[in-house]
Amino acid sequence: MAKKSSIERNLKRQKLAEKYAEKRAQLKKVISNPNASDEEFYTATRAMAKLPRNSSIVRVRNRCAVSGRARAYIRKFGISRLTFRELALDGKIPGVTKASW
């Protein structure tokens, strides 16, 4: 089980990323536009730098929905490999069976 603080920190990052997603997209559009003037470019760059670092989607970590484990995350199911194995062996994931049976 992951530390409660790690899980909460990640949830905070997810909320910030959602909150600032539209604003970040607009600023990135201006920054990546080759036809933008130098003044627009620098203004957008400064505005982007003033946004909270944790509002970037890159800082959000995929974590297991059950245990909070950050490593060995299976995107399709949203859980870690360890949790996946436990649930699959118990028959709680529909359509998943052990290959050697």
PDB file of N, CA and C in Angstrom:
ATOM      1  N   MET A   1       0.841  -1.179   0.000  1.00  0.00           N
ATOM      2  CA  MET A   1       0.000   0.000   0.000  1.00  0.00           C
ATOM      3  C   MET A   1       0.887   1.244   0.000  1.00  0.00           C
ATOM      4  N   ALA A   2       0.579   2.168  -0.877  1.00  0.00           N
ATOM      5  CA  ALA A   2       1.345   3.403  -0.977  1.00  0.00           C
ATOM      6  C   ALA A   2       1.023   4.316   0.208  1.00  0.00           C
ATOM      7  N   LYS A   3       1.932   5.233   0.480  1.00  0.00           N
ATOM      8  CA  LYS A   3       1.697   6.186   1.556  1.00  0.00           C
ATOM      9  C   LYS A   3       0.500   7.058   1.213  1.00  0.00           C
ATOM     10  N   LYS A   4      -0.266   7.360   2.219  1.00  0.00           N
ATOM     11  CA  LYS A   4      -1.467   8.187   2.038  1.00  0.00           C
ATOM     12  C   LYS A   4      -1.098   9.556   1.460  1.00  0.00           C
ATOM     13  N   SER A   5       0.035  10.099   1.884  1.00  0.00           N
ATOM     14  CA  SER A   5       0.454  11.421   1.409  1.00  0.00           C
ATOM     15  C   SER A   5       0.761  11.400  -0.086  1.00  0.00           C
ATOM     16  N   SER A   6       1.341  10.302  -0.575  1.00  0.00           N
ATOM     17  CA  SER A   6       1.648  10.186  -2.005  1.00  0.00           C
ATOM     18  C   SER A   6       0.380  10.142  -2.835  1.00  0.00           C
ATOM     19  N   ILE A   7      -0.595   9.408  -2.351  1.00  0.00           N
ATOM     20  CA  ILE A   7      -1.871   9.294  -3.054  1.00  0.00           C
ATOM     21  C   ILE A   7      -2.588  10.639  -3.071  1.00  0.00           C
ATOM     22  N   GLU A   8      -2.612  11.317  -1.933  1.00  0.00           N
ATOM     23  CA  GLU A   8      -3.275  12.621  -1.835  1.00  0.00           C
ATOM     24  C   GLU A   8      -2.580  13.670  -2.694  1.00  0.00           C
ATOM     25  N   ARG A   9      -1.256  13.644  -2.723  1.00  0.00           N
ATOM     26  CA  ARG A   9      -0.494  14.590  -3.543  1.00  0.00           C
ATOM     27  C   ARG A   9      -0.838  14.403  -5.017  1.00  0.00           C
ATOM     28  N   ASN A  10      -0.962  13.146  -5.415  1.00  0.00           N
ATOM     29  CA  ASN A  10      -1.297  12.851  -6.808  1.00  0.00           C
ATOM     30  C   ASN A  10      -2.719  13.312  -7.140  1.00  0.00           C
ATOM     31  N   LEU A  11      -3.640  13.150  -6.204  1.00  0.00           N
ATOM     32  CA  LEU A  11      -5.009  13.621  -6.428  1.00  0.00           C
ATOM     33  C   LEU A  11      -5.043  15.145  -6.568  1.00  0.00           C
ATOM     34  N   LYS A  12      -4.224  15.818  -5.766  1.00  0.00           N
ATOM     35  CA  LYS A  12      -4.126  17.271  -5.853  1.00  0.00           C
ATOM     36  C   LYS A  12      -3.620  17.685  -7.233  1.00  0.00           C
ATOM     37  N   ARG A  13      -2.626  16.958  -7.739  1.00  0.00           N
ATOM     38  CA  ARG A  13      -2.088  17.236  -9.069  1.00  0.00           C
ATOM     39  C   ARG A  13      -3.139  17.013 -10.150  1.00  0.00           C
ATOM     40  N   GLN A  14      -3.942  15.960 -10.002  1.00  0.00           N
ATOM     41  CA  GLN A  14      -4.999  15.692 -10.981  1.00  0.00           C
ATOM     42  C   GLN A  14      -6.009  16.833 -11.022  1.00  0.00           C
ATOM     43  N   LYS A  15      -6.402  17.314  -9.856  1.00  0.00           N
ATOM     44  CA  LYS A  15      -7.370  18.409  -9.784  1.00  0.00           C
ATOM     45  C   LYS A  15      -6.805  19.686 -10.405  1.00  0.00           C
ATOM     46  N   LEU A  16      -5.544  19.986 -10.101  1.00  0.00           N
ATOM     47  CA  LEU A  16      -4.914  21.181 -10.667  1.00  0.00           C
ATOM     48  C   LEU A  16      -4.780  21.062 -12.184  1.00  0.00           C
ATOM     49  N   ALA A  17      -4.442  19.879 -12.658  1.00  0.00           N
ATOM     50  CA  ALA A  17      -4.292  19.659 -14.099  1.00  0.00           C
ATOM     51  C   ALA A  17      -5.621  19.881 -14.812  1.00  0.00           C
ATOM     52  N   GLU A  18      -6.714  19.407 -14.213  1.00  0.00           N
ATOM     53  CA  GLU A  18      -8.038  19.618 -14.797  1.00  0.00           C
ATOM     54  C   GLU A  18      -8.416  21.097 -14.776  1.00  0.00           C
ATOM     55  N   LYS A  19      -8.101  21.758 -13.681  1.00  0.00           N
ATOM     56  CA  LYS A  19      -8.465  23.167 -13.513  1.00  0.00           C
ATOM     57  C   LYS A  19      -7.774  24.061 -14.546  1.00  0.00           C
ATOM     58  N   TYR A  20      -6.504  23.810 -14.794  1.00  0.00           N
ATOM     59  CA  TYR A  20      -5.723  24.670 -15.682  1.00  0.00           C
ATOM     60  C   TYR A  20      -5.556  24.115 -17.104  1.00  0.00           C
ATOM     61  N   ALA A  21      -6.223  23.031 -17.438  1.00  0.00           N
ATOM     62  CA  ALA A  21      -6.032  22.385 -18.739  1.00  0.00           C
ATOM     63  C   ALA A  21      -6.345  23.327 -19.902  1.00  0.00           C
ATOM     64  N   GLU A  22      -7.468  24.012 -19.830  1.00  0.00           N
ATOM     65  CA  GLU A  22      -7.880  24.899 -20.924  1.00  0.00           C
ATOM     66  C   GLU A  22      -6.916  26.078 -21.077  1.00  0.00           C
ATOM     67  N   LYS A  23      -6.532  26.665 -19.961  1.00  0.00           N
ATOM     68  CA  LYS A  23      -5.614  27.810 -19.992  1.00  0.00           C
ATOM     69  C   LYS A  23      -4.253  27.395 -20.551  1.00  0.00           C
ATOM     70  N   ARG A  24      -3.755  26.238 -20.121  1.00  0.00           N
ATOM     71  CA  ARG A  24      -2.480  25.724 -20.629  1.00  0.00           C
ATOM     72  C   ARG A  24      -2.546  25.467 -22.129  1.00  0.00           C
ATOM     73  N   ALA A  25      -3.656  24.903 -22.596  1.00  0.00           N
ATOM     74  CA  ALA A  25      -3.820  24.609 -24.023  1.00  0.00           C
ATOM     75  C   ALA A  25      -3.782  25.891 -24.850  1.00  0.00           C
ATOM     76  N   GLN A  26      -4.447  26.931 -24.362  1.00  0.00           N
ATOM     77  CA  GLN A  26      -4.444  28.214 -25.080  1.00  0.00           C
ATOM     78  C   GLN A  26      -3.035  28.799 -25.145  1.00  0.00           C
ATOM     79  N   LEU A  27      -2.326  28.769 -24.021  1.00  0.00           N
ATOM     80  CA  LEU A  27      -0.966  29.328 -23.990  1.00  0.00           C
ATOM     81  C   LEU A  27      -0.021  28.520 -24.875  1.00  0.00           C
ATOM     82  N   LYS A  28      -0.155  27.195 -24.862  1.00  0.00           N
ATOM     83  CA  LYS A  28       0.692  26.353 -25.704  1.00  0.00           C
ATOM     84  C   LYS A  28       0.440  26.609 -27.175  1.00  0.00           C
ATOM     85  N   LYS A  29      -0.825  26.878 -27.499  1.00  0.00           N
ATOM     86  CA  LYS A  29      -1.182  27.175 -28.891  1.00  0.00           C
ATOM     87  C   LYS A  29      -0.469  28.443 -29.368  1.00  0.00           C
ATOM     88  N   VAL A  30      -0.449  29.464 -28.513  1.00  0.00           N
ATOM     89  CA  VAL A  30       0.231  30.720 -28.854  1.00  0.00           C
ATOM     90  C   VAL A  30       1.742  30.497 -28.960  1.00  0.00           C
ATOM     91  N   ILE A  31       2.304  29.743 -28.019  1.00  0.00           N
ATOM     92  CA  ILE A  31       3.749  29.508 -28.000  1.00  0.00           C
ATOM     93  C   ILE A  31       4.205  28.722 -29.222  1.00  0.00           C
ATOM     94  N   SER A  32       3.427  27.725 -29.624  1.00  0.00           N
ATOM     95  CA  SER A  32       3.829  26.879 -30.754  1.00  0.00           C
ATOM     96  C   SER A  32       3.469  27.467 -32.120  1.00  0.00           C
ATOM     97  N   ASN A  33       2.720  28.571 -32.124  1.00  0.00           N
ATOM     98  CA  ASN A  33       2.328  29.211 -33.384  1.00  0.00           C
ATOM     99  C   ASN A  33       3.527  29.957 -33.991  1.00  0.00           C
ATOM    100  N   PRO A  34       3.984  29.548 -35.179  1.00  0.00           N
ATOM    101  CA  PRO A  34       5.140  30.223 -35.789  1.00  0.00           C
ATOM    102  C   PRO A  34       4.825  31.643 -36.266  1.00  0.00           C
ATOM    103  N   ASN A  35       3.549  31.960 -36.455  1.00  0.00           N
ATOM    104  CA  ASN A  35       3.163  33.295 -36.923  1.00  0.00           C
ATOM    105  C   ASN A  35       2.944  34.290 -35.795  1.00  0.00           C
ATOM    106  N   ALA A  36       3.065  33.860 -34.563  1.00  0.00           N
ATOM    107  CA  ALA A  36       2.869  34.745 -33.414  1.00  0.00           C
ATOM    108  C   ALA A  36       4.033  35.731 -33.312  1.00  0.00           C
ATOM    109  N   SER A  37       3.705  36.944 -32.909  1.00  0.00           N
ATOM    110  CA  SER A  37       4.752  37.952 -32.765  1.00  0.00           C
ATOM    111  C   SER A  37       5.616  37.617 -31.548  1.00  0.00           C
ATOM    112  N   ASP A  38       6.785  38.252 -31.501  1.00  0.00           N
ATOM    113  CA  ASP A  38       7.695  38.011 -30.378  1.00  0.00           C
ATOM    114  C   ASP A  38       7.054  38.403 -29.041  1.00  0.00           C
ATOM    115  N   GLU A  39       6.322  39.518 -29.073  1.00  0.00           N
ATOM    116  CA  GLU A  39       5.693  39.995 -27.847  1.00  0.00           C
ATOM    117  C   GLU A  39       4.646  38.996 -27.339  1.00  0.00           C
ATOM    118  N   GLU A  40       3.819  38.472 -28.252  1.00  0.00           N
ATOM    119  CA  GLU A  40       2.818  37.464 -27.871  1.00  0.00           C
ATOM    120  C   GLU A  40       3.497  36.213 -27.306  1.00  0.00           C
ATOM    121  N   PHE A  41       4.562  35.795 -27.973  1.00  0.00           N
ATOM    122  CA  PHE A  41       5.295  34.597 -27.564  1.00  0.00           C
ATOM    123  C   PHE A  41       5.842  34.750 -26.148  1.00  0.00           C
ATOM    124  N   TYR A  42       6.507  35.863 -25.878  1.00  0.00           N
ATOM    125  CA  TYR A  42       7.112  36.076 -24.570  1.00  0.00           C
ATOM    126  C   TYR A  42       6.055  36.269 -23.480  1.00  0.00           C
ATOM    127  N   THR A  43       4.956  36.914 -23.832  1.00  0.00           N
ATOM    128  CA  THR A  43       3.864  37.092 -22.862  1.00  0.00           C
ATOM    129  C   THR A  43       3.271  35.734 -22.482  1.00  0.00           C
ATOM    130  N   ALA A  44       3.036  34.892 -23.485  1.00  0.00           N
ATOM    131  CA  ALA A  44       2.485  33.561 -23.233  1.00  0.00           C
ATOM    132  C   ALA A  44       3.461  32.705 -22.436  1.00  0.00           C
ATOM    133  N   THR A  45       4.748  32.828 -22.735  1.00  0.00           N
ATOM    134  CA  THR A  45       5.761  32.061 -22.021  1.00  0.00           C
ATOM    135  C   THR A  45       5.804  32.462 -20.549  1.00  0.00           C
ATOM    136  N   ARG A  46       5.732  33.765 -20.281  1.00  0.00           N
ATOM    137  CA  ARG A  46       5.722  34.248 -18.898  1.00  0.00           C
ATOM    138  C   ARG A  46       4.467  33.786 -18.165  1.00  0.00           C
ATOM    139  N   ALA A  47       3.338  33.832 -18.860  1.00  0.00           N
ATOM    140  CA  ALA A  47       2.074  33.394 -18.246  1.00  0.00           C
ATOM    141  C   ALA A  47       2.125  31.900 -17.930  1.00  0.00           C
ATOM    142  N   MET A  48       2.738  31.132 -18.819  1.00  0.00           N
ATOM    143  CA  MET A  48       2.864  29.685 -18.602  1.00  0.00           C
ATOM    144  C   MET A  48       3.757  29.401 -17.396  1.00  0.00           C
ATOM    145  N   ALA A  49       4.810  30.182 -17.247  1.00  0.00           N
ATOM    146  CA  ALA A  49       5.735  29.996 -16.136  1.00  0.00           C
ATOM    147  C   ALA A  49       5.086  30.346 -14.794  1.00  0.00           C
ATOM    148  N   LYS A  50       4.084  31.230 -14.809  1.00  0.00           N
ATOM    149  CA  LYS A  50       3.420  31.637 -13.573  1.00  0.00           C
ATOM    150  C   LYS A  50       2.393  30.616 -13.096  1.00  0.00           C
ATOM    151  N   LEU A  51       1.981  29.707 -13.985  1.00  0.00           N
ATOM    152  CA  LEU A  51       1.033  28.673 -13.578  1.00  0.00           C
ATOM    153  C   LEU A  51       1.711  27.713 -12.595  1.00  0.00           C
ATOM    154  N   PRO A  52       0.941  27.082 -11.726  1.00  0.00           N
ATOM    155  CA  PRO A  52       1.536  26.126 -10.783  1.00  0.00           C
ATOM    156  C   PRO A  52       2.184  24.961 -11.518  1.00  0.00           C
ATOM    157  N   ARG A  53       3.322  24.513 -11.049  1.00  0.00           N
ATOM    158  CA  ARG A  53       4.018  23.398 -11.697  1.00  0.00           C
ATOM    159  C   ARG A  53       3.173  22.133 -11.679  1.00  0.00           C
ATOM    160  N   ASN A  54       2.465  21.924 -10.583  1.00  0.00           N
ATOM    161  CA  ASN A  54       1.650  20.721 -10.458  1.00  0.00           C
ATOM    162  C   ASN A  54       0.404  20.745 -11.336  1.00  0.00           C
ATOM    163  N   SER A  55       0.173  21.820 -12.053  1.00  0.00           N
ATOM    164  CA  SER A  55      -0.973  21.869 -12.957  1.00  0.00           C
ATOM    165  C   SER A  55      -0.647  21.236 -14.304  1.00  0.00           C
ATOM    166  N   SER A  56       0.588  20.818 -14.486  1.00  0.00           N
ATOM    167  CA  SER A  56       0.985  20.151 -15.725  1.00  0.00           C
ATOM    168  C   SER A  56       0.554  18.691 -15.674  1.00  0.00           C
ATOM    169  N   ILE A  57      -0.022  18.202 -16.763  1.00  0.00           N
ATOM    170  CA  ILE A  57      -0.517  16.824 -16.820  1.00  0.00           C
ATOM    171  C   ILE A  57       0.627  15.818 -16.733  1.00  0.00           C
ATOM    172  N   VAL A  58       1.828  16.236 -17.075  1.00  0.00           N
ATOM    173  CA  VAL A  58       2.987  15.347 -17.046  1.00  0.00           C
ATOM    174  C   VAL A  58       3.345  14.936 -15.623  1.00  0.00           C
ATOM    175  N   ARG A  59       3.009  15.774 -14.662  1.00  0.00           N
ATOM    176  CA  ARG A  59       3.366  15.487 -13.274  1.00  0.00           C
ATOM    177  C   ARG A  59       2.401  14.528 -12.580  1.00  0.00           C
ATOM    178  N   VAL A  60       1.275  14.243 -13.236  1.00  0.00           N
ATOM    179  CA  VAL A  60       0.308  13.301 -12.662  1.00  0.00           C
ATOM    180  C   VAL A  60       0.817  11.888 -12.895  1.00  0.00           C
ATOM    181  N   ARG A  61       0.759  11.074 -11.861  1.00  0.00           N
ATOM    182  CA  ARG A  61       1.280   9.715 -11.919  1.00  0.00           C
ATOM    183  C   ARG A  61       0.115   8.723 -11.976  1.00  0.00           C
ATOM    184  N   ASN A  62       0.220   7.710 -12.833  1.00  0.00           N
ATOM    185  CA  ASN A  62      -0.785   6.653 -12.851  1.00  0.00           C
ATOM    186  C   ASN A  62      -0.607   5.795 -11.612  1.00  0.00           C
ATOM    187  N   ARG A  63      -1.684   5.632 -10.847  1.00  0.00           N
ATOM    188  CA  ARG A  63      -1.626   4.839  -9.625  1.00  0.00           C
ATOM    189  C   ARG A  63      -2.749   3.819  -9.610  1.00  0.00           C
ATOM    190  N   CYS A  64      -2.480   2.705  -8.968  1.00  0.00           N
ATOM    191  CA  CYS A  64      -3.466   1.628  -8.811  1.00  0.00           C
ATOM    192  C   CYS A  64      -4.667   2.168  -8.039  1.00  0.00           C
ATOM    193  N   ALA A  65      -5.864   1.871  -8.541  1.00  0.00           N
ATOM    194  CA  ALA A  65      -7.084   2.344  -7.890  1.00  0.00           C
ATOM    195  C   ALA A  65      -7.320   1.659  -6.545  1.00  0.00           C
ATOM    196  N   VAL A  66      -6.780   0.462  -6.367  1.00  0.00           N
ATOM    197  CA  VAL A  66      -7.005  -0.298  -5.138  1.00  0.00           C
ATOM    198  C   VAL A  66      -5.923  -0.029  -4.098  1.00  0.00           C
ATOM    199  N   SER A  67      -4.661  -0.210  -4.494  1.00  0.00           N
ATOM    200  CA  SER A  67      -3.565  -0.118  -3.521  1.00  0.00           C
ATOM    201  C   SER A  67      -2.812   1.206  -3.561  1.00  0.00           C
ATOM    202  N   GLY A  68      -2.914   1.946  -4.640  1.00  0.00           N
ATOM    203  CA  GLY A  68      -2.181   3.201  -4.764  1.00  0.00           C
ATOM    204  C   GLY A  68      -0.772   3.023  -5.286  1.00  0.00           C
ATOM    205  N   ARG A  69      -0.411   1.795  -5.641  1.00  0.00           N
ATOM    206  CA  ARG A  69       0.938   1.503  -6.146  1.00  0.00           C
ATOM    207  C   ARG A  69       1.170   2.252  -7.457  1.00  0.00           C
ATOM    208  N   ALA A  70       2.359   2.858  -7.592  1.00  0.00           N
ATOM    209  CA  ALA A  70       2.662   3.665  -8.774  1.00  0.00           C
ATOM    210  C   ALA A  70       3.358   2.872  -9.876  1.00  0.00           C
ATOM    211  N   ARG A  71       4.033   1.808  -9.519  1.00  0.00           N
ATOM    212  CA  ARG A  71       4.779   1.040 -10.519  1.00  0.00           C
ATOM    213  C   ARG A  71       3.966  -0.149 -10.998  1.00  0.00           C
ATOM    214  N   ALA A  72       4.317  -0.662 -12.174  1.00  0.00           N
ATOM    215  CA  ALA A  72       3.665  -1.840 -12.765  1.00  0.00           C
ATOM    216  C   ALA A  72       2.170  -1.606 -12.910  1.00  0.00           C
ATOM    217  N   TYR A  73       1.795  -0.457 -13.448  1.00  0.00           N
ATOM    218  CA  TYR A  73       0.400  -0.059 -13.615  1.00  0.00           C
ATOM    219  C   TYR A  73      -0.103  -0.566 -14.965  1.00  0.00           C
ATOM    220  N   ILE A  74      -1.251  -1.216 -14.972  1.00  0.00           N
ATOM    221  CA  ILE A  74      -1.857  -1.711 -16.205  1.00  0.00           C
ATOM    222  C   ILE A  74      -2.977  -0.740 -16.582  1.00  0.00           C
ATOM    223  N   ARG A  75      -2.773   0.023 -17.649  1.00  0.00           N
ATOM    224  CA  ARG A  75      -3.715   1.073 -18.023  1.00  0.00           C
ATOM    225  C   ARG A  75      -5.112   0.558 -18.343  1.00  0.00           C
ATOM    226  N   LYS A  76      -5.166  -0.557 -19.035  1.00  0.00           N
ATOM    227  CA  LYS A  76      -6.461  -1.093 -19.464  1.00  0.00           C
ATOM    228  C   LYS A  76      -7.390  -1.353 -18.281  1.00  0.00           C
ATOM    229  N   PHE A  77      -6.838  -1.760 -17.159  1.00  0.00           N
ATOM    230  CA  PHE A  77      -7.647  -2.091 -15.989  1.00  0.00           C
ATOM    231  C   PHE A  77      -7.559  -1.049 -14.882  1.00  0.00           C
ATOM    232  N   GLY A  78      -6.552  -0.190 -14.927  1.00  0.00           N
ATOM    233  CA  GLY A  78      -6.411   0.856 -13.915  1.00  0.00           C
ATOM    234  C   GLY A  78      -5.889   0.369 -12.583  1.00  0.00           C
ATOM    235  N   ILE A  79      -5.220  -0.793 -12.595  1.00  0.00           N
ATOM    236  CA  ILE A  79      -4.679  -1.352 -11.357  1.00  0.00           C
ATOM    237  C   ILE A  79      -3.259  -1.849 -11.595  1.00  0.00           C
ATOM    238  N   SER A  80      -2.547  -2.139 -10.510  1.00  0.00           N
ATOM    239  CA  SER A  80      -1.174  -2.629 -10.619  1.00  0.00           C
ATOM    240  C   SER A  80      -1.181  -4.115 -10.949  1.00  0.00           C
ATOM    241  N   ARG A  81      -0.035  -4.630 -11.316  1.00  0.00           N
ATOM    242  CA  ARG A  81       0.074  -6.045 -11.692  1.00  0.00           C
ATOM    243  C   ARG A  81      -0.228  -6.970 -10.527  1.00  0.00           C
ATOM    244  N   LEU A  82       0.144  -6.555  -9.323  1.00  0.00           N
ATOM    245  CA  LEU A  82      -0.092  -7.389  -8.147  1.00  0.00           C
ATOM    246  C   LEU A  82      -1.592  -7.491  -7.838  1.00  0.00           C
ATOM    247  N   THR A  83      -2.254  -6.357  -7.860  1.00  0.00           N
ATOM    248  CA  THR A  83      -3.691  -6.335  -7.622  1.00  0.00           C
ATOM    249  C   THR A  83      -4.416  -7.077  -8.737  1.00  0.00           C
ATOM    250  N   PHE A  84      -3.943  -6.880  -9.977  1.00  0.00           N
ATOM    251  CA  PHE A  84      -4.538  -7.560 -11.121  1.00  0.00           C
ATOM    252  C   PHE A  84      -4.470  -9.067 -10.939  1.00  0.00           C
ATOM    253  N   ARG A  85      -3.325  -9.558 -10.518  1.00  0.00           N
ATOM    254  CA  ARG A  85      -3.139 -11.001 -10.346  1.00  0.00           C
ATOM    255  C   ARG A  85      -4.074 -11.547  -9.267  1.00  0.00           C
ATOM    256  N   GLU A  86      -4.164 -10.828  -8.156  1.00  0.00           N
ATOM    257  CA  GLU A  86      -5.049 -11.267  -7.076  1.00  0.00           C
ATOM    258  C   GLU A  86      -6.507 -11.326  -7.536  1.00  0.00           C
ATOM    259  N   LEU A  87      -6.951 -10.264  -8.197  1.00  0.00           N
ATOM    260  CA  LEU A  87      -8.338 -10.205  -8.642  1.00  0.00           C
ATOM    261  C   LEU A  87      -8.630 -11.235  -9.733  1.00  0.00           C
ATOM    262  N   ALA A  88      -7.652 -11.449 -10.635  1.00  0.00           N
ATOM    263  CA  ALA A  88      -7.835 -12.418 -11.713  1.00  0.00           C
ATOM    264  C   ALA A  88      -7.920 -13.836 -11.163  1.00  0.00           C
ATOM    265  N   LEU A  89      -7.083 -14.173 -10.204  1.00  0.00           N
ATOM    266  CA  LEU A  89      -7.110 -15.511  -9.610  1.00  0.00           C
ATOM    267  C   LEU A  89      -8.389 -15.759  -8.809  1.00  0.00           C
ATOM    268  N   ASP A  90      -8.947 -14.695  -8.243  1.00  0.00           N
ATOM    269  CA  ASP A  90     -10.207 -14.822  -7.507  1.00  0.00           C
ATOM    270  C   ASP A  90     -11.412 -14.845  -8.450  1.00  0.00           C
ATOM    271  N   GLY A  91     -11.173 -14.588  -9.750  1.00  0.00           N
ATOM    272  CA  GLY A  91     -12.253 -14.583 -10.728  1.00  0.00           C
ATOM    273  C   GLY A  91     -13.092 -13.318 -10.704  1.00  0.00           C
ATOM    274  N   LYS A  92     -12.526 -12.222 -10.227  1.00  0.00           N
ATOM    275  CA  LYS A  92     -13.282 -10.978 -10.105  1.00  0.00           C
ATOM    276  C   LYS A  92     -13.144 -10.068 -11.322  1.00  0.00           C
ATOM    277  N   ILE A  93     -12.279 -10.464 -12.276  1.00  0.00           N
ATOM    278  CA  ILE A  93     -12.146  -9.693 -13.515  1.00  0.00           C
ATOM    279  C   ILE A  93     -12.742 -10.547 -14.637  1.00  0.00           C
ATOM    280  N   PRO A  94     -13.870 -10.115 -15.217  1.00  0.00           N
ATOM    281  CA  PRO A  94     -14.537 -10.919 -16.236  1.00  0.00           C
ATOM    282  C   PRO A  94     -13.676 -11.106 -17.474  1.00  0.00           C
ATOM    283  N   GLY A  95     -13.648 -12.349 -17.982  1.00  0.00           N
ATOM    284  CA  GLY A  95     -12.934 -12.639 -19.215  1.00  0.00           C
ATOM    285  C   GLY A  95     -11.457 -12.900 -19.060  1.00  0.00           C
ATOM    286  N   VAL A  96     -10.932 -12.813 -17.848  1.00  0.00           N
ATOM    287  CA  VAL A  96      -9.501 -13.031 -17.620  1.00  0.00           C
ATOM    288  C   VAL A  96      -9.319 -14.371 -16.911  1.00  0.00           C
ATOM    289  N   THR A  97      -8.547 -15.245 -17.548  1.00  0.00           N
ATOM    290  CA  THR A  97      -8.246 -16.539 -16.937  1.00  0.00           C
ATOM    291  C   THR A  97      -6.742 -16.774 -16.990  1.00  0.00           C
ATOM    292  N   LYS A  98      -6.280 -17.675 -16.169  1.00  0.00           N
ATOM    293  CA  LYS A  98      -4.863 -18.003 -16.151  1.00  0.00           C
ATOM    294  C   LYS A  98      -4.544 -18.845 -17.383  1.00  0.00           C
ATOM    295  N   ALA A  99      -3.438 -18.565 -18.040  1.00  0.00           N
ATOM    296  CA  ALA A  99      -3.092 -19.218 -19.288  1.00  0.00           C
ATOM    297  C   ALA A  99      -2.779 -20.691 -19.117  1.00  0.00           C
ATOM    298  N   SER A 100      -2.228 -21.086 -17.987  1.00  0.00           N
ATOM    299  CA  SER A 100      -1.771 -22.465 -17.795  1.00  0.00           C
ATOM    300  C   SER A 100      -2.881 -23.405 -17.319  1.00  0.00           C
ATOM    301  N   TRP A 101      -4.084 -22.911 -17.134  1.00  0.00           N
ATOM    302  CA  TRP A 101      -5.160 -23.777 -16.672  1.00  0.00           C
ATOM    303  C   TRP A 101      -5.780 -24.524 -17.787  1.00  0.00           C
TER     304      TRP A 101
END
